[in-house]
Amino acid sequence: MLRALVVLLLVANTFWWAATHGWLPASWLPFPDPEAEREPQRLQQQIRPEAITVLPASASAPETAAPTPGACLQTGALADAGRQAAAEAVLRTAGIDETRWARVALESGPALRVEGLQREEIEALRAAAALAADAPAFSACD
């Protein structure tokens, strides 16, 4: 009995090894084709897929690092009134009161700055900026 079980396990392991190394026809395999597209409807559900950037695991991106609570975030220079209105709309969408953000002058132009943000507010701000079509990015204050 034990001998039959060992032989059965050896046959199963050999079949699995041959299947995963491409030695068997696809029709013999008990699992779907790994090259097949499994959920194509998700591609149509993406919002602004051109804004997604895949970084290598070793890359460090300071603008994506979550600031500590009580942090300060600001936009880059807002060249025109449209960009400024978009940034203000993102702040309103994130639920940040107008009394908490201020217009500041950078060397390259005007910007919006928000100080004393809590972790939930930071996450809401990042989510609102990701969903807005023409919103400027918010990064840690200089």
N, C-alpha and C. Protein backbone atom coordinates (compact mmCIF):
# COMPACT_ATOMS: atom_id res chain seq x y z
N MET A 1 0.82 -1.20 0.00
CA MET A 1 0.00 0.00 0.00
C MET A 1 0.86 1.26 0.00
N LEU A 2 1.86 1.28 0.88
CA LEU A 2 2.75 2.44 0.96
C LEU A 2 3.56 2.59 -0.32
N ARG A 3 3.95 1.47 -0.90
CA ARG A 3 4.72 1.49 -2.14
C ARG A 3 3.88 2.10 -3.27
N ALA A 4 2.62 1.79 -3.34
CA ALA A 4 1.72 2.34 -4.37
C ALA A 4 1.55 3.85 -4.18
N LEU A 5 1.45 4.28 -2.92
CA LEU A 5 1.32 5.72 -2.64
C LEU A 5 2.57 6.48 -3.07
N VAL A 6 3.74 5.94 -2.82
CA VAL A 6 5.00 6.59 -3.21
C VAL A 6 5.09 6.66 -4.73
N VAL A 7 4.72 5.59 -5.42
CA VAL A 7 4.74 5.59 -6.88
C VAL A 7 3.76 6.62 -7.43
N LEU A 8 2.56 6.71 -6.84
CA LEU A 8 1.57 7.69 -7.27
C LEU A 8 2.09 9.11 -7.07
N LEU A 9 2.72 9.39 -5.95
CA LEU A 9 3.28 10.72 -5.71
C LEU A 9 4.42 11.04 -6.68
N LEU A 10 5.24 10.09 -6.99
CA LEU A 10 6.32 10.31 -7.96
C LEU A 10 5.74 10.61 -9.35
N VAL A 11 4.70 9.90 -9.74
CA VAL A 11 4.08 10.15 -11.04
C VAL A 11 3.45 11.54 -11.06
N ALA A 12 2.76 11.91 -9.98
CA ALA A 12 2.14 13.23 -9.91
C ALA A 12 3.19 14.33 -9.95
N ASN A 13 4.27 14.17 -9.21
CA ASN A 13 5.33 15.18 -9.21
C ASN A 13 6.00 15.28 -10.57
N THR A 14 6.20 14.17 -11.24
CA THR A 14 6.79 14.18 -12.59
C THR A 14 5.86 14.89 -13.57
N PHE A 15 4.56 14.60 -13.47
CA PHE A 15 3.59 15.27 -14.33
C PHE A 15 3.61 16.78 -14.08
N TRP A 16 3.62 17.18 -12.82
CA TRP A 16 3.61 18.62 -12.48
C TRP A 16 4.88 19.30 -13.00
N TRP A 17 6.03 18.65 -12.82
CA TRP A 17 7.29 19.23 -13.29
C TRP A 17 7.27 19.38 -14.81
N ALA A 18 6.81 18.35 -15.50
CA ALA A 18 6.76 18.40 -16.97
C ALA A 18 5.78 19.47 -17.44
N ALA A 19 4.67 19.61 -16.73
CA ALA A 19 3.66 20.61 -17.12
C ALA A 19 4.19 22.03 -16.92
N THR A 20 4.87 22.28 -15.82
CA THR A 20 5.36 23.63 -15.54
C THR A 20 6.59 24.00 -16.36
N HIS A 21 7.24 23.03 -16.96
CA HIS A 21 8.41 23.31 -17.79
C HIS A 21 8.10 23.27 -19.28
N GLY A 22 6.81 23.16 -19.63
CA GLY A 22 6.41 23.25 -21.02
C GLY A 22 6.61 21.99 -21.83
N TRP A 23 6.72 20.85 -21.19
CA TRP A 23 6.94 19.60 -21.90
C TRP A 23 5.65 18.91 -22.32
N LEU A 24 4.50 19.38 -21.83
CA LEU A 24 3.23 18.74 -22.14
C LEU A 24 2.37 19.66 -22.98
N PRO A 25 1.50 19.11 -23.83
CA PRO A 25 0.58 19.96 -24.59
C PRO A 25 -0.38 20.70 -23.65
N ALA A 26 -0.82 21.85 -24.05
CA ALA A 26 -1.69 22.68 -23.22
C ALA A 26 -3.01 22.00 -22.90
N SER A 27 -3.48 21.13 -23.80
CA SER A 27 -4.76 20.45 -23.57
C SER A 27 -4.68 19.43 -22.44
N TRP A 28 -3.49 19.00 -22.06
CA TRP A 28 -3.33 18.03 -20.99
C TRP A 28 -3.30 18.70 -19.62
N LEU A 29 -3.13 20.00 -19.59
CA LEU A 29 -2.88 20.68 -18.33
C LEU A 29 -4.17 20.98 -17.57
N PRO A 30 -4.13 20.83 -16.26
CA PRO A 30 -5.34 21.09 -15.46
C PRO A 30 -5.53 22.55 -15.09
N PHE A 31 -4.65 23.43 -15.52
CA PHE A 31 -4.76 24.85 -15.17
C PHE A 31 -4.81 25.68 -16.45
N PRO A 32 -5.37 26.90 -16.37
CA PRO A 32 -5.52 27.74 -17.56
C PRO A 32 -4.19 28.24 -18.09
N ASP A 33 -4.24 28.70 -19.32
CA ASP A 33 -3.05 29.24 -19.97
C ASP A 33 -2.58 30.49 -19.22
N PRO A 34 -1.32 30.54 -18.76
CA PRO A 34 -0.86 31.72 -18.02
C PRO A 34 -0.77 32.98 -18.89
N GLU A 35 -0.73 32.81 -20.22
CA GLU A 35 -0.67 33.94 -21.12
C GLU A 35 -2.05 34.52 -21.41
N ALA A 36 -3.11 33.78 -21.05
CA ALA A 36 -4.47 34.24 -21.34
C ALA A 36 -4.83 35.43 -20.45
N GLU A 37 -5.61 36.32 -21.01
CA GLU A 37 -6.07 37.50 -20.28
C GLU A 37 -7.26 37.08 -19.42
N ARG A 38 -7.12 37.23 -18.10
CA ARG A 38 -8.14 36.68 -17.20
C ARG A 38 -9.29 37.64 -16.94
N GLU A 39 -9.02 38.92 -16.78
CA GLU A 39 -10.07 39.88 -16.46
C GLU A 39 -9.91 41.11 -17.35
N PRO A 40 -10.27 41.00 -18.64
CA PRO A 40 -10.06 42.12 -19.55
C PRO A 40 -10.93 43.33 -19.22
N GLN A 41 -12.04 43.15 -18.50
CA GLN A 41 -12.89 44.30 -18.17
C GLN A 41 -12.19 45.27 -17.23
N ARG A 42 -11.20 44.82 -16.50
CA ARG A 42 -10.48 45.73 -15.60
C ARG A 42 -9.70 46.80 -16.36
N LEU A 43 -9.26 46.49 -17.56
CA LEU A 43 -8.55 47.49 -18.36
C LEU A 43 -9.46 48.65 -18.72
N GLN A 44 -10.73 48.38 -18.98
CA GLN A 44 -11.66 49.45 -19.31
C GLN A 44 -12.07 50.25 -18.08
N GLN A 45 -11.89 49.71 -16.88
CA GLN A 45 -12.29 50.39 -15.66
C GLN A 45 -11.20 51.31 -15.11
N GLN A 46 -10.01 51.27 -15.69
CA GLN A 46 -8.92 52.08 -15.17
C GLN A 46 -9.18 53.56 -15.38
N ILE A 47 -8.79 54.34 -14.40
CA ILE A 47 -8.91 55.79 -14.48
C ILE A 47 -7.50 56.35 -14.69
N ARG A 48 -7.33 57.09 -15.76
CA ARG A 48 -6.05 57.68 -16.14
C ARG A 48 -4.90 56.65 -16.13
N PRO A 49 -4.97 55.59 -16.95
CA PRO A 49 -3.90 54.58 -16.92
C PRO A 49 -2.55 55.14 -17.37
N GLU A 50 -2.56 56.25 -18.12
CA GLU A 50 -1.28 56.83 -18.56
C GLU A 50 -0.52 57.46 -17.40
N ALA A 51 -1.18 57.69 -16.27
CA ALA A 51 -0.52 58.31 -15.12
C ALA A 51 0.19 57.28 -14.25
N ILE A 52 0.01 55.99 -14.54
CA ILE A 52 0.63 54.94 -13.73
C ILE A 52 2.07 54.76 -14.18
N THR A 53 2.97 54.77 -13.22
CA THR A 53 4.37 54.54 -13.49
C THR A 53 4.85 53.39 -12.63
N VAL A 54 5.40 52.35 -13.24
CA VAL A 54 5.90 51.21 -12.50
C VAL A 54 7.38 51.46 -12.22
N LEU A 55 7.72 51.44 -10.94
CA LEU A 55 9.10 51.67 -10.53
C LEU A 55 9.73 50.36 -10.12
N PRO A 56 11.04 50.22 -10.32
CA PRO A 56 11.71 49.01 -9.82
C PRO A 56 11.66 48.99 -8.29
N ALA A 57 11.77 47.81 -7.72
CA ALA A 57 11.64 47.66 -6.27
C ALA A 57 12.73 48.43 -5.53
N SER A 58 13.88 48.61 -6.12
CA SER A 58 14.97 49.30 -5.44
C SER A 58 14.88 50.82 -5.54
N ALA A 59 14.02 51.33 -6.42
CA ALA A 59 13.91 52.77 -6.60
C ALA A 59 13.19 53.40 -5.43
N SER A 60 13.69 54.52 -4.98
CA SER A 60 13.00 55.24 -3.91
C SER A 60 12.44 56.52 -4.50
N ALA A 61 11.16 56.75 -4.25
CA ALA A 61 10.50 57.93 -4.78
C ALA A 61 10.05 58.79 -3.61
N PRO A 62 10.73 59.89 -3.33
CA PRO A 62 10.36 60.69 -2.18
C PRO A 62 8.97 61.28 -2.27
N GLU A 63 8.47 61.55 -3.49
CA GLU A 63 7.15 62.14 -3.59
C GLU A 63 6.04 61.14 -3.31
N THR A 64 6.34 59.82 -3.36
CA THR A 64 5.33 58.83 -3.05
C THR A 64 5.43 58.35 -1.61
N ALA A 65 6.49 58.71 -0.92
CA ALA A 65 6.62 58.31 0.47
C ALA A 65 5.59 59.07 1.30
N ALA A 66 4.94 58.37 2.20
CA ALA A 66 3.88 58.99 3.00
C ALA A 66 4.51 59.91 4.05
N PRO A 67 4.15 61.18 4.04
CA PRO A 67 4.67 62.08 5.05
C PRO A 67 4.12 61.73 6.43
N THR A 68 4.80 62.18 7.45
CA THR A 68 4.36 61.92 8.81
C THR A 68 3.17 62.80 9.14
N PRO A 69 2.33 62.40 10.11
CA PRO A 69 1.20 63.24 10.51
C PRO A 69 1.68 64.62 10.95
N GLY A 70 0.88 65.64 10.66
CA GLY A 70 1.26 67.01 10.95
C GLY A 70 2.15 67.58 9.87
N ALA A 71 2.19 66.89 8.73
CA ALA A 71 3.10 67.26 7.65
C ALA A 71 2.56 68.43 6.84
N CYS A 72 3.44 68.94 6.01
CA CYS A 72 3.13 70.05 5.12
C CYS A 72 3.27 69.54 3.69
N LEU A 73 2.24 69.78 2.87
CA LEU A 73 2.29 69.43 1.46
C LEU A 73 2.03 70.68 0.63
N GLN A 74 2.65 70.73 -0.55
CA GLN A 74 2.42 71.86 -1.44
C GLN A 74 2.49 71.39 -2.88
N THR A 75 1.90 72.20 -3.75
CA THR A 75 1.96 71.92 -5.17
C THR A 75 3.26 72.50 -5.72
N GLY A 76 3.54 72.14 -6.95
CA GLY A 76 4.61 72.82 -7.65
C GLY A 76 4.08 74.16 -8.13
N ALA A 77 4.86 74.86 -8.91
CA ALA A 77 4.43 76.16 -9.42
C ALA A 77 3.19 76.00 -10.29
N LEU A 78 2.18 76.82 -10.03
CA LEU A 78 0.94 76.81 -10.79
C LEU A 78 0.99 77.95 -11.80
N ALA A 79 1.31 77.63 -13.03
CA ALA A 79 1.57 78.65 -14.04
C ALA A 79 0.35 79.46 -14.42
N ASP A 80 -0.82 78.84 -14.45
CA ASP A 80 -2.01 79.58 -14.89
C ASP A 80 -3.16 79.39 -13.89
N ALA A 81 -4.21 80.15 -14.10
CA ALA A 81 -5.35 80.12 -13.20
C ALA A 81 -6.08 78.77 -13.26
N GLY A 82 -6.03 78.10 -14.40
CA GLY A 82 -6.68 76.80 -14.54
C GLY A 82 -6.04 75.74 -13.65
N ARG A 83 -4.72 75.73 -13.60
CA ARG A 83 -4.01 74.78 -12.74
C ARG A 83 -4.28 75.09 -11.27
N GLN A 84 -4.34 76.37 -10.93
CA GLN A 84 -4.62 76.75 -9.56
C GLN A 84 -6.03 76.34 -9.16
N ALA A 85 -7.00 76.53 -10.07
CA ALA A 85 -8.37 76.12 -9.79
C ALA A 85 -8.47 74.60 -9.64
N ALA A 86 -7.70 73.87 -10.43
CA ALA A 86 -7.70 72.41 -10.32
C ALA A 86 -7.12 71.97 -8.98
N ALA A 87 -6.06 72.64 -8.54
CA ALA A 87 -5.46 72.30 -7.24
C ALA A 87 -6.43 72.62 -6.10
N GLU A 88 -7.14 73.74 -6.20
CA GLU A 88 -8.11 74.10 -5.18
C GLU A 88 -9.27 73.10 -5.16
N ALA A 89 -9.68 72.64 -6.33
CA ALA A 89 -10.76 71.65 -6.41
C ALA A 89 -10.33 70.33 -5.76
N VAL A 90 -9.08 69.95 -5.95
CA VAL A 90 -8.58 68.72 -5.32
C VAL A 90 -8.61 68.87 -3.81
N LEU A 91 -8.19 70.02 -3.30
CA LEU A 91 -8.20 70.24 -1.85
C LEU A 91 -9.62 70.19 -1.31
N ARG A 92 -10.56 70.78 -2.02
CA ARG A 92 -11.97 70.75 -1.57
C ARG A 92 -12.51 69.31 -1.61
N THR A 93 -12.18 68.58 -2.67
CA THR A 93 -12.63 67.19 -2.79
C THR A 93 -12.08 66.34 -1.65
N ALA A 94 -10.86 66.62 -1.23
CA ALA A 94 -10.25 65.87 -0.13
C ALA A 94 -10.82 66.28 1.22
N GLY A 95 -11.67 67.31 1.25
CA GLY A 95 -12.30 67.74 2.49
C GLY A 95 -11.43 68.64 3.34
N ILE A 96 -10.47 69.30 2.73
CA ILE A 96 -9.58 70.20 3.47
C ILE A 96 -10.15 71.60 3.38
N ASP A 97 -10.40 72.20 4.53
CA ASP A 97 -11.04 73.51 4.63
C ASP A 97 -10.14 74.59 4.02
N GLU A 98 -10.79 75.58 3.38
CA GLU A 98 -10.03 76.66 2.72
C GLU A 98 -9.19 77.48 3.69
N THR A 99 -9.56 77.49 4.95
CA THR A 99 -8.78 78.26 5.93
C THR A 99 -7.45 77.60 6.24
N ARG A 100 -7.28 76.33 5.86
CA ARG A 100 -6.05 75.60 6.19
C ARG A 100 -5.01 75.66 5.09
N TRP A 101 -5.37 76.07 3.87
CA TRP A 101 -4.37 76.15 2.83
C TRP A 101 -4.15 77.59 2.41
N ALA A 102 -2.94 77.84 1.94
CA ALA A 102 -2.56 79.21 1.60
C ALA A 102 -1.82 79.24 0.26
N ARG A 103 -1.91 80.38 -0.39
CA ARG A 103 -1.14 80.61 -1.62
C ARG A 103 0.22 81.13 -1.21
N VAL A 104 1.26 80.51 -1.75
CA VAL A 104 2.63 80.94 -1.46
C VAL A 104 3.35 81.24 -2.77
N ALA A 105 4.38 82.04 -2.69
CA ALA A 105 5.17 82.39 -3.87
C ALA A 105 6.46 81.58 -3.87
N LEU A 106 6.63 80.76 -4.89
CA LEU A 106 7.88 80.04 -5.08
C LEU A 106 8.72 80.81 -6.10
N GLU A 107 9.96 80.40 -6.25
CA GLU A 107 10.83 81.06 -7.23
C GLU A 107 10.28 80.89 -8.65
N SER A 108 9.64 79.74 -8.89
CA SER A 108 9.13 79.47 -10.24
C SER A 108 7.68 79.91 -10.44
N GLY A 109 7.02 80.40 -9.40
CA GLY A 109 5.65 80.87 -9.54
C GLY A 109 4.82 80.59 -8.30
N PRO A 110 3.53 80.91 -8.35
CA PRO A 110 2.68 80.70 -7.18
C PRO A 110 2.38 79.22 -6.97
N ALA A 111 2.10 78.85 -5.71
CA ALA A 111 1.78 77.47 -5.35
C ALA A 111 0.78 77.49 -4.20
N LEU A 112 0.21 76.31 -3.92
CA LEU A 112 -0.69 76.16 -2.77
C LEU A 112 0.00 75.29 -1.73
N ARG A 113 -0.13 75.66 -0.45
CA ARG A 113 0.51 74.94 0.64
C ARG A 113 -0.52 74.63 1.71
N VAL A 114 -0.45 73.40 2.25
CA VAL A 114 -1.33 72.97 3.34
C VAL A 114 -0.44 72.42 4.44
N GLU A 115 -0.61 72.94 5.65
CA GLU A 115 0.22 72.49 6.77
C GLU A 115 -0.63 71.78 7.80
N GLY A 116 0.01 70.95 8.61
CA GLY A 116 -0.65 70.26 9.71
C GLY A 116 -1.61 69.17 9.28
N LEU A 117 -1.29 68.47 8.21
CA LEU A 117 -2.18 67.42 7.71
C LEU A 117 -2.02 66.13 8.53
N GLN A 118 -3.14 65.48 8.80
CA GLN A 118 -3.12 64.19 9.46
C GLN A 118 -3.07 63.10 8.38
N ARG A 119 -2.77 61.89 8.79
CA ARG A 119 -2.58 60.79 7.84
C ARG A 119 -3.82 60.57 6.96
N GLU A 120 -5.01 60.63 7.53
CA GLU A 120 -6.23 60.43 6.75
C GLU A 120 -6.40 61.54 5.71
N GLU A 121 -6.06 62.75 6.08
CA GLU A 121 -6.16 63.88 5.14
C GLU A 121 -5.15 63.73 4.01
N ILE A 122 -3.97 63.26 4.34
CA ILE A 122 -2.94 63.05 3.31
C ILE A 122 -3.41 62.00 2.31
N GLU A 123 -3.99 60.90 2.82
CA GLU A 123 -4.47 59.85 1.93
C GLU A 123 -5.63 60.35 1.08
N ALA A 124 -6.53 61.13 1.67
CA ALA A 124 -7.66 61.68 0.91
C ALA A 124 -7.16 62.64 -0.16
N LEU A 125 -6.16 63.45 0.16
CA LEU A 125 -5.60 64.39 -0.80
C LEU A 125 -4.93 63.66 -1.96
N ARG A 126 -4.16 62.64 -1.66
CA ARG A 126 -3.52 61.86 -2.72
C ARG A 126 -4.54 61.16 -3.60
N ALA A 127 -5.60 60.63 -2.99
CA ALA A 127 -6.64 59.95 -3.77
C ALA A 127 -7.38 60.94 -4.66
N ALA A 128 -7.71 62.12 -4.13
CA ALA A 128 -8.41 63.13 -4.93
C ALA A 128 -7.53 63.61 -6.08
N ALA A 129 -6.23 63.77 -5.83
CA ALA A 129 -5.32 64.21 -6.89
C ALA A 129 -5.17 63.14 -7.97
N ALA A 130 -5.20 61.87 -7.57
CA ALA A 130 -5.09 60.79 -8.55
C ALA A 130 -6.32 60.70 -9.44
N LEU A 131 -7.49 61.04 -8.90
CA LEU A 131 -8.72 60.95 -9.67
C LEU A 131 -8.97 62.16 -10.56
N ALA A 132 -8.40 63.30 -10.21
CA ALA A 132 -8.61 64.52 -11.00
C ALA A 132 -7.79 64.44 -12.29
N ALA A 133 -8.39 64.87 -13.38
CA ALA A 133 -7.74 64.74 -14.68
C ALA A 133 -6.55 65.67 -14.86
N ASP A 134 -6.65 66.89 -14.38
CA ASP A 134 -5.58 67.85 -14.63
C ASP A 134 -5.01 68.42 -13.33
N ALA A 135 -5.05 67.65 -12.27
CA ALA A 135 -4.61 68.14 -10.96
C ALA A 135 -3.08 68.10 -10.84
N PRO A 136 -2.51 69.12 -10.24
CA PRO A 136 -1.07 69.09 -9.98
C PRO A 136 -0.77 68.15 -8.82
N ALA A 137 0.44 67.68 -8.76
CA ALA A 137 0.85 66.77 -7.70
C ALA A 137 1.19 67.55 -6.43
N PHE A 138 0.91 66.95 -5.29
CA PHE A 138 1.28 67.53 -4.00
C PHE A 138 2.48 66.77 -3.47
N SER A 139 3.50 67.51 -3.02
CA SER A 139 4.69 66.89 -2.46
C SER A 139 5.04 67.59 -1.15
N ALA A 140 6.00 67.03 -0.44
CA ALA A 140 6.40 67.60 0.85
C ALA A 140 6.94 69.01 0.65
N CYS A 141 6.65 69.88 1.62
CA CYS A 141 7.10 71.27 1.55
C CYS A 141 8.62 71.34 1.67
N ASP A 142 9.17 72.36 1.05
CA ASP A 142 10.63 72.56 1.13
C ASP A 142 11.01 73.22 2.42
